[in-house]
Amino acid sequence: MLVDSHCHLDLEHFAADRPAVLARAQAAGVGLIINPGIDLAHSQAAIALAERHPEVYAAVGVHPTSSAAFDDSWLAELRRLAAHPKVVAIGEIGLDYYWKSVEPAQQAVAFRAQLALAAELGLPVIIHNREAHADVAATLRAWVESAATRSSPLAACPFWGVLHAYSGDRALAEEAYEWNFVLSLGGPVTYTNARRLHELVPQLRLDRLMLETDAPYLTPHPRRGQRNEPALLAVVCEALARLYDTSPATVAATTTAVAQRFFGLEGHGVVET
């Protein structure tokens, strides 16, 4: 069984054929799909989708590029949404300096507030980091080391967060492991020009790795440029197996176990292992 740890099935890209997308995912061995929110409306949509499909679970959060109007009322609504039994994480949250649509200071306010909420609720975090490595690392370092986090319900969780669509170096990865974080990788590992990533992957811990599609984005080769979907997670798994010089079955079993522990879903999944 494979776990797609990050997929935006609620987006309009899937409106026309979502049931078929889910059927193809199951046929490809994808037994669990985590759908993160990017704002309040999409967090609500992710929960609604999870209510309709047993293999889908939700995370709730405000993406940095959606955080311009973030305030205490948004945080209160996230707290309410996170009480749903199919919500398994806070995310995706973080910093994005690529799009420049929201001031970094405002992104930081939303990021820190949602990290504090995750600690309060004992839920792991899904971290978005685009061209903001230093500031993301500094924010997470402070959060992990704070007395409030260390004494929170999160302290009892096996993992505290994931660096989604990992694009950092080995040094950041090693520090993330010390934070009790995992990494996730998707379509870019299949790109022929991603030489730095190909060199990095074998240095990363397979027992701290999850798979993702980030669908509809980051479609793997050879379908790059088309809409991504969870069924293509098998392509990512095969590419990682080549980079780790192991079997796809080993990558699938190891990353699925990590994801099930991360999201508290041991024993869950619609596909038999």
Protein backbone atom coordinates (compact mmCIF):
# COMPACT_ATOMS: atom_id res chain seq x y z
CA MET A 1 0.00 0.00 0.00
CA LEU A 2 1.10 3.56 -0.78
CA VAL A 3 0.14 6.71 1.14
CA ASP A 4 -0.17 10.03 -0.67
CA SER A 5 0.75 12.29 2.22
CA HIS A 6 -0.07 15.53 0.39
CA CYS A 7 -2.73 15.91 -2.31
CA HIS A 8 -5.19 18.74 -2.99
CA LEU A 9 -8.14 16.69 -4.19
CA ASP A 10 -10.55 19.43 -3.15
CA LEU A 11 -9.29 21.84 -5.82
CA GLU A 12 -11.36 22.62 -8.90
CA HIS A 13 -8.86 20.71 -11.07
CA PHE A 14 -10.63 17.52 -9.95
CA ALA A 15 -14.21 18.75 -10.07
CA ALA A 16 -15.09 16.96 -13.29
CA ASP A 17 -13.76 13.49 -12.48
CA ARG A 18 -12.92 13.18 -8.78
CA PRO A 19 -14.57 9.73 -8.36
CA ALA A 20 -12.54 8.38 -11.28
CA VAL A 21 -9.36 9.89 -9.83
CA LEU A 22 -10.01 8.13 -6.53
CA ALA A 23 -10.77 4.84 -8.30
CA ARG A 24 -7.48 5.05 -10.24
CA ALA A 25 -5.64 5.79 -7.00
CA GLN A 26 -7.01 2.70 -5.33
CA ALA A 27 -6.23 0.58 -8.41
CA ALA A 28 -2.64 1.85 -8.22
CA GLY A 29 -2.34 0.79 -4.57
CA VAL A 30 -2.83 4.18 -2.93
CA GLY A 31 -4.77 3.31 0.22
CA LEU A 32 -4.63 6.62 2.09
CA ILE A 33 -4.69 10.22 0.87
CA ILE A 34 -4.10 13.27 3.05
CA ASN A 35 -5.74 16.45 1.76
CA PRO A 36 -4.25 19.62 3.33
CA GLY A 37 -6.15 22.89 3.41
CA ILE A 38 -4.77 26.11 1.94
CA ASP A 39 -7.30 28.49 3.52
CA LEU A 40 -10.47 28.24 5.59
CA ALA A 41 -12.78 27.40 2.70
CA HIS A 42 -10.48 24.73 1.32
CA SER A 43 -9.93 23.29 4.80
CA GLN A 44 -13.70 22.91 5.10
CA ALA A 45 -13.81 21.33 1.64
CA ALA A 46 -11.04 18.89 2.60
CA ILE A 47 -13.08 17.76 5.60
CA ALA A 48 -16.21 17.35 3.49
CA LEU A 49 -14.25 15.22 1.04
CA ALA A 50 -12.86 13.10 3.89
CA GLU A 51 -16.38 12.55 5.20
CA ARG A 52 -17.43 11.08 1.84
CA HIS A 53 -14.40 8.86 1.21
CA PRO A 54 -12.94 6.47 3.81
CA GLU A 55 -9.44 6.61 2.31
CA VAL A 56 -9.24 10.42 2.49
CA TYR A 57 -8.18 12.38 5.59
CA ALA A 58 -7.81 16.11 6.00
CA ALA A 59 -5.39 18.64 7.39
CA VAL A 60 -6.55 22.19 8.11
CA GLY A 61 -4.43 25.28 7.72
CA VAL A 62 -3.75 28.55 5.96
CA HIS A 63 -1.06 28.52 3.26
CA PRO A 64 1.37 31.45 3.45
CA THR A 65 0.12 32.88 0.15
CA SER A 66 -3.43 32.85 1.58
CA SER A 67 -2.50 34.52 4.87
CA ALA A 68 -2.92 38.23 4.05
CA ALA A 69 -6.10 38.56 6.15
CA PHE A 70 -5.16 35.99 8.80
CA ASP A 71 -6.22 37.06 12.31
CA ASP A 72 -7.49 35.60 15.58
CA SER A 73 -10.90 34.80 14.08
CA TRP A 74 -9.24 32.61 11.45
CA LEU A 75 -7.29 30.83 14.17
CA ALA A 76 -10.51 30.21 16.11
CA GLU A 77 -12.13 28.70 13.03
CA LEU A 78 -9.11 26.44 12.44
CA ARG A 79 -9.36 25.27 16.06
CA ARG A 80 -13.02 24.40 15.47
CA LEU A 81 -12.30 22.57 12.22
CA ALA A 82 -9.39 20.64 13.74
CA ALA A 83 -11.78 18.98 16.20
CA HIS A 84 -13.23 16.89 13.35
CA PRO A 85 -12.27 13.19 13.76
CA LYS A 86 -10.85 12.98 10.23
CA VAL A 87 -8.45 15.91 10.70
CA VAL A 88 -4.98 14.48 11.25
CA ALA A 89 -2.64 17.49 10.96
CA ILE A 90 -2.33 21.26 10.75
CA GLY A 91 -1.30 22.37 7.31
CA GLU A 92 -0.20 23.34 4.98
CA ILE A 93 1.51 26.23 6.72
CA GLY A 94 4.86 27.94 6.39
CA LEU A 95 6.61 30.66 4.40
CA ASP A 96 6.71 31.38 0.67
CA TYR A 97 9.07 34.06 -0.64
CA TYR A 98 8.67 33.07 -4.30
CA TRP A 99 5.26 34.54 -5.10
CA LYS A 100 5.65 37.76 -3.07
CA SER A 101 1.87 38.05 -2.73
CA VAL A 102 1.87 38.42 1.08
CA GLU A 103 4.41 40.35 3.14
CA PRO A 104 6.86 38.07 4.94
CA ALA A 105 5.98 39.62 8.31
CA GLN A 106 2.30 38.73 7.86
CA GLN A 107 3.19 35.22 6.70
CA ALA A 108 5.27 34.84 9.87
CA VAL A 109 2.34 35.87 12.07
CA ALA A 110 0.11 33.21 10.53
CA PHE A 111 2.89 30.60 10.63
CA ARG A 112 3.71 31.07 14.32
CA ALA A 113 0.03 31.16 15.33
CA GLN A 114 -0.71 27.89 13.53
CA LEU A 115 2.38 26.21 14.97
CA ALA A 116 1.16 27.16 18.44
CA LEU A 117 -2.28 25.75 17.60
CA ALA A 118 -0.75 22.46 16.48
CA ALA A 119 1.12 22.12 19.76
CA GLU A 120 -2.02 22.97 21.73
CA LEU A 121 -4.02 20.30 19.90
CA GLY A 122 -1.27 17.67 19.64
CA LEU A 123 -1.37 17.54 15.85
CA PRO A 124 1.69 17.34 13.56
CA VAL A 125 2.36 20.13 11.09
CA ILE A 126 2.72 20.07 7.30
CA ILE A 127 5.29 22.70 6.34
CA HIS A 128 5.42 24.65 3.08
CA ASN A 129 8.84 26.19 2.39
CA ARG A 130 9.57 27.96 -0.87
CA GLU A 131 12.74 30.02 -1.08
CA ALA A 132 12.55 30.66 2.68
CA HIS A 133 14.86 28.00 4.11
CA ALA A 134 16.61 30.14 6.72
CA ASP A 135 13.45 31.74 8.11
CA VAL A 136 11.48 28.48 8.10
CA ALA A 137 14.30 26.73 9.93
CA ALA A 138 14.64 29.53 12.49
CA THR A 139 10.88 29.56 13.15
CA LEU A 140 10.67 25.80 13.53
CA ARG A 141 13.79 25.69 15.69
CA ALA A 142 12.29 28.20 18.10
CA TRP A 143 8.96 26.37 18.14
CA VAL A 144 10.47 22.94 18.76
CA GLU A 145 12.71 24.23 21.53
CA SER A 146 10.04 26.28 23.31
CA ALA A 147 8.79 25.14 26.69
CA ALA A 148 5.19 25.53 25.46
CA THR A 149 5.73 23.00 22.67
CA ARG A 150 7.76 20.56 24.73
CA SER A 151 5.11 20.46 27.45
CA SER A 152 2.19 20.24 25.01
CA PRO A 153 0.21 17.17 23.88
CA LEU A 154 2.46 17.09 20.81
CA ALA A 155 5.26 15.76 23.02
CA ALA A 156 3.52 12.37 23.05
CA CYS A 157 3.32 12.17 19.23
CA PRO A 158 5.82 10.04 17.28
CA PHE A 159 6.54 12.87 14.83
CA TRP A 160 5.97 16.60 15.08
CA GLY A 161 6.03 17.69 11.45
CA VAL A 162 6.95 17.14 7.83
CA LEU A 163 8.91 19.33 5.45
CA HIS A 164 6.66 18.89 2.43
CA ALA A 165 8.12 18.76 -1.12
CA TYR A 166 11.57 18.82 0.42
CA SER A 167 13.94 21.21 -1.35
CA GLY A 168 16.60 21.80 1.32
CA ASP A 169 20.06 20.34 1.74
CA ARG A 170 21.41 17.50 3.84
CA ALA A 171 22.24 19.81 6.76
CA LEU A 172 18.64 21.00 7.04
CA ALA A 173 17.41 17.41 6.76
CA GLU A 174 19.68 16.29 9.59
CA GLU A 175 18.43 19.14 11.78
CA ALA A 176 14.84 18.28 10.89
CA TYR A 177 15.39 14.75 12.15
CA GLU A 178 16.52 16.23 15.46
CA TRP A 179 13.27 18.21 15.58
CA ASN A 180 11.38 14.91 15.28
CA PHE A 181 10.38 15.81 11.72
CA VAL A 182 10.15 13.73 8.56
CA LEU A 183 10.57 14.75 4.92
CA SER A 184 8.30 14.11 1.95
CA LEU A 185 9.22 13.81 -1.72
CA GLY A 186 7.17 13.73 -4.91
CA GLY A 187 7.32 14.28 -8.64
CA PRO A 188 10.60 16.26 -8.79
CA VAL A 189 12.59 13.10 -7.96
CA THR A 190 11.61 11.85 -11.44
CA TYR A 191 12.84 14.94 -13.33
CA THR A 192 15.89 14.27 -15.46
CA ASN A 193 17.38 17.70 -14.68
CA ALA A 194 16.99 17.37 -10.88
CA ARG A 195 20.60 16.26 -10.43
CA ARG A 196 21.13 17.87 -7.03
CA LEU A 197 18.02 16.15 -5.69
CA HIS A 198 19.12 12.83 -7.17
CA GLU A 199 22.46 13.16 -5.36
CA LEU A 200 20.76 14.14 -2.10
CA VAL A 201 18.10 11.42 -1.89
CA PRO A 202 20.41 8.49 -1.02
CA GLN A 203 21.76 10.56 1.88
CA LEU A 204 18.27 10.99 3.37
CA ARG A 205 16.83 8.53 5.88
CA LEU A 206 14.27 6.25 4.26
CA ASP A 207 12.78 5.61 7.70
CA ARG A 208 11.99 9.35 7.95
CA LEU A 209 10.45 9.71 4.50
CA MET A 210 6.89 9.99 3.18
CA LEU A 211 5.68 10.01 -0.43
CA GLU A 212 3.46 12.71 -1.89
CA THR A 213 2.07 13.93 -5.18
CA ASP A 214 1.06 17.51 -4.29
CA ALA A 215 -1.55 16.88 -6.98
CA PRO A 216 -2.65 18.57 -9.16
CA TYR A 217 0.89 20.02 -9.16
CA LEU A 218 4.42 18.58 -9.57
CA THR A 219 3.44 15.86 -12.03
CA PRO A 220 6.14 13.21 -12.42
CA HIS A 221 8.02 12.53 -15.64
CA PRO A 222 7.01 11.54 -18.32
CA ARG A 223 3.65 13.28 -17.75
CA ARG A 224 5.14 16.55 -16.57
CA GLY A 225 2.97 19.45 -17.72
CA GLN A 226 -0.26 17.49 -17.29
CA ARG A 227 -2.47 17.35 -14.19
CA ASN A 228 -1.00 15.23 -11.41
CA GLU A 229 -3.12 12.73 -9.47
CA PRO A 230 -2.59 10.20 -6.64
CA ALA A 231 -2.33 7.17 -8.97
CA LEU A 232 1.00 8.56 -10.20
CA LEU A 233 2.48 8.08 -6.72
CA ALA A 234 3.66 4.67 -7.94
CA VAL A 235 5.98 6.48 -10.40
CA VAL A 236 7.52 8.42 -7.51
CA CYS A 237 7.95 5.21 -5.52
CA GLU A 238 9.76 3.53 -8.41
CA ALA A 239 12.07 6.52 -8.94
CA LEU A 240 12.99 6.57 -5.26
CA ALA A 241 13.67 2.84 -5.31
CA ARG A 242 16.22 3.39 -8.07
CA LEU A 243 17.88 6.24 -6.16
CA TYR A 244 18.06 4.19 -2.95
CA ASP A 245 19.13 1.08 -4.89
CA THR A 246 16.34 -0.97 -3.34
CA SER A 247 12.97 -2.37 -4.39
CA PRO A 248 9.75 -0.39 -4.85
CA ALA A 249 8.18 -2.77 -2.32
CA THR A 250 10.72 -1.71 0.30
CA VAL A 251 10.14 1.99 -0.38
CA ALA A 252 6.37 1.47 -0.28
CA ALA A 253 6.39 -0.50 2.97
CA THR A 254 8.79 1.86 4.75
CA THR A 255 7.17 5.12 3.70
CA THR A 256 3.67 3.80 4.36
CA ALA A 257 4.66 2.83 7.90
CA VAL A 258 6.12 6.31 8.46
CA ALA A 259 2.97 8.00 7.12
CA GLN A 260 0.62 5.84 9.18
CA ARG A 261 2.58 6.66 12.35
CA PHE A 262 2.85 10.34 11.43
CA PHE A 263 -0.89 10.78 10.95
CA GLY A 264 -1.95 8.33 13.68
CA LEU A 265 -3.49 5.98 11.13
CA GLU A 266 -1.81 2.68 11.92
CA GLY A 267 -3.91 -0.11 10.48
CA HIS A 268 -5.89 2.27 8.26
CA GLY A 269 -6.09 2.12 4.48
CA VAL A 270 -8.50 0.79 1.88
CA VAL A 271 -5.87 -1.26 0.03
CA GLU A 272 -4.63 -4.47 1.59
CA THR A 273 -0.88 -4.52 2.16
